[in-house]
Amino acid sequence: MIPTSPKTQENQQSTVDFLLEMADRIAREAPAAELEKLPQDGGENLDHYLYGAPKQ
């Protein structure tokens, strides 16, 4: 692992916080009917949903 300076770590944390905040906002604002359409096995079959690989 490449050592990072405190400023770089601070920037990385602010980016992570921003992304988590955006994901939370999307989840709160999305209609329930749309959230129900999301696959329940998204983590397990991510390559299938992104690239069309066979489901596991």
C-alpha atoms as a PDB file:
ATOM      1  CA  MET A   1       0.000   0.000   0.000  1.00  0.00           C
ATOM      2  CA  ILE A   2       1.288   3.435  -0.903  1.00  0.00           C
ATOM      3  CA  PRO A   3       1.584   5.746   2.103  1.00  0.00           C
ATOM      4  CA  THR A   4      -0.600   8.812   1.831  1.00  0.00           C
ATOM      5  CA  SER A   5      -0.239  12.212   3.375  1.00  0.00           C
ATOM      6  CA  PRO A   6      -2.807  13.385   5.929  1.00  0.00           C
ATOM      7  CA  LYS A   7      -4.199  15.855   3.374  1.00  0.00           C
ATOM      8  CA  THR A   8      -4.748  13.032   0.868  1.00  0.00           C
ATOM      9  CA  GLN A   9      -6.450  10.927   3.537  1.00  0.00           C
ATOM     10  CA  GLU A  10      -8.641  13.905   4.429  1.00  0.00           C
ATOM     11  CA  ASN A  11      -9.635  14.336   0.776  1.00  0.00           C
ATOM     12  CA  GLN A  12     -10.391  10.623   0.475  1.00  0.00           C
ATOM     13  CA  GLN A  13     -12.602  10.747   3.559  1.00  0.00           C
ATOM     14  CA  SER A  14     -14.515  13.766   2.263  1.00  0.00           C
ATOM     15  CA  THR A  15     -15.066  11.914  -1.042  1.00  0.00           C
ATOM     16  CA  VAL A  16     -16.329   8.832   0.795  1.00  0.00           C
ATOM     17  CA  ASP A  17     -18.624  10.987   2.942  1.00  0.00           C
ATOM     18  CA  PHE A  18     -19.964  12.726  -0.164  1.00  0.00           C
ATOM     19  CA  LEU A  19     -20.694   9.435  -1.942  1.00  0.00           C
ATOM     20  CA  LEU A  20     -22.404   7.939   1.111  1.00  0.00           C
ATOM     21  CA  GLU A  21     -24.507  11.080   1.496  1.00  0.00           C
ATOM     22  CA  MET A  22     -25.524  10.933  -2.173  1.00  0.00           C
ATOM     23  CA  ALA A  23     -26.452   7.244  -1.933  1.00  0.00           C
ATOM     24  CA  ASP A  24     -28.502   7.948   1.194  1.00  0.00           C
ATOM     25  CA  ARG A  25     -30.306  10.839  -0.511  1.00  0.00           C
ATOM     26  CA  ILE A  26     -31.108   8.731  -3.571  1.00  0.00           C
ATOM     27  CA  ALA A  27     -32.438   5.921  -1.384  1.00  0.00           C
ATOM     28  CA  ARG A  28     -34.647   8.348   0.567  1.00  0.00           C
ATOM     29  CA  GLU A  29     -35.998  10.134  -2.521  1.00  0.00           C
ATOM     30  CA  ALA A  30     -36.511   7.143  -4.816  1.00  0.00           C
ATOM     31  CA  PRO A  31     -40.100   5.910  -5.052  1.00  0.00           C
ATOM     32  CA  ALA A  32     -40.653   2.634  -3.202  1.00  0.00           C
ATOM     33  CA  ALA A  33     -41.946   1.003  -6.396  1.00  0.00           C
ATOM     34  CA  GLU A  34     -38.629   1.714  -8.124  1.00  0.00           C
ATOM     35  CA  LEU A  35     -36.556   0.420  -5.205  1.00  0.00           C
ATOM     36  CA  GLU A  36     -38.552  -2.825  -5.286  1.00  0.00           C
ATOM     37  CA  LYS A  37     -37.414  -3.361  -8.904  1.00  0.00           C
ATOM     38  CA  LEU A  38     -33.757  -3.554  -7.859  1.00  0.00           C
ATOM     39  CA  PRO A  39     -32.304  -7.081  -7.871  1.00  0.00           C
ATOM     40  CA  GLN A  40     -32.016  -8.694  -4.458  1.00  0.00           C
ATOM     41  CA  ASP A  41     -28.856 -10.550  -5.500  1.00  0.00           C
ATOM     42  CA  GLY A  42     -27.011  -7.490  -6.813  1.00  0.00           C
ATOM     43  CA  GLY A  43     -23.869  -8.104  -4.767  1.00  0.00           C
ATOM     44  CA  GLU A  44     -23.618 -11.756  -5.704  1.00  0.00           C
ATOM     45  CA  ASN A  45     -24.334 -11.226  -9.399  1.00  0.00           C
ATOM     46  CA  LEU A  46     -22.843  -7.794  -9.947  1.00  0.00           C
ATOM     47  CA  ASP A  47     -20.937  -8.924 -13.065  1.00  0.00           C
ATOM     48  CA  HIS A  48     -24.186 -10.237 -14.528  1.00  0.00           C
ATOM     49  CA  TYR A  49     -25.985  -6.922 -14.060  1.00  0.00           C
ATOM     50  CA  LEU A  50     -23.059  -4.800 -15.225  1.00  0.00           C
ATOM     51  CA  TYR A  51     -21.527  -6.914 -17.993  1.00  0.00           C
ATOM     52  CA  GLY A  52     -24.006  -9.674 -18.823  1.00  0.00           C
ATOM     53  CA  ALA A  53     -21.896 -12.473 -17.322  1.00  0.00           C
ATOM     54  CA  PRO A  54     -23.808 -15.652 -16.384  1.00  0.00           C
ATOM     55  CA  LYS A  55     -25.520 -15.503 -12.988  1.00  0.00           C
ATOM     56  CA  GLN A  56     -23.828 -17.436 -10.186  1.00  0.00           C
END
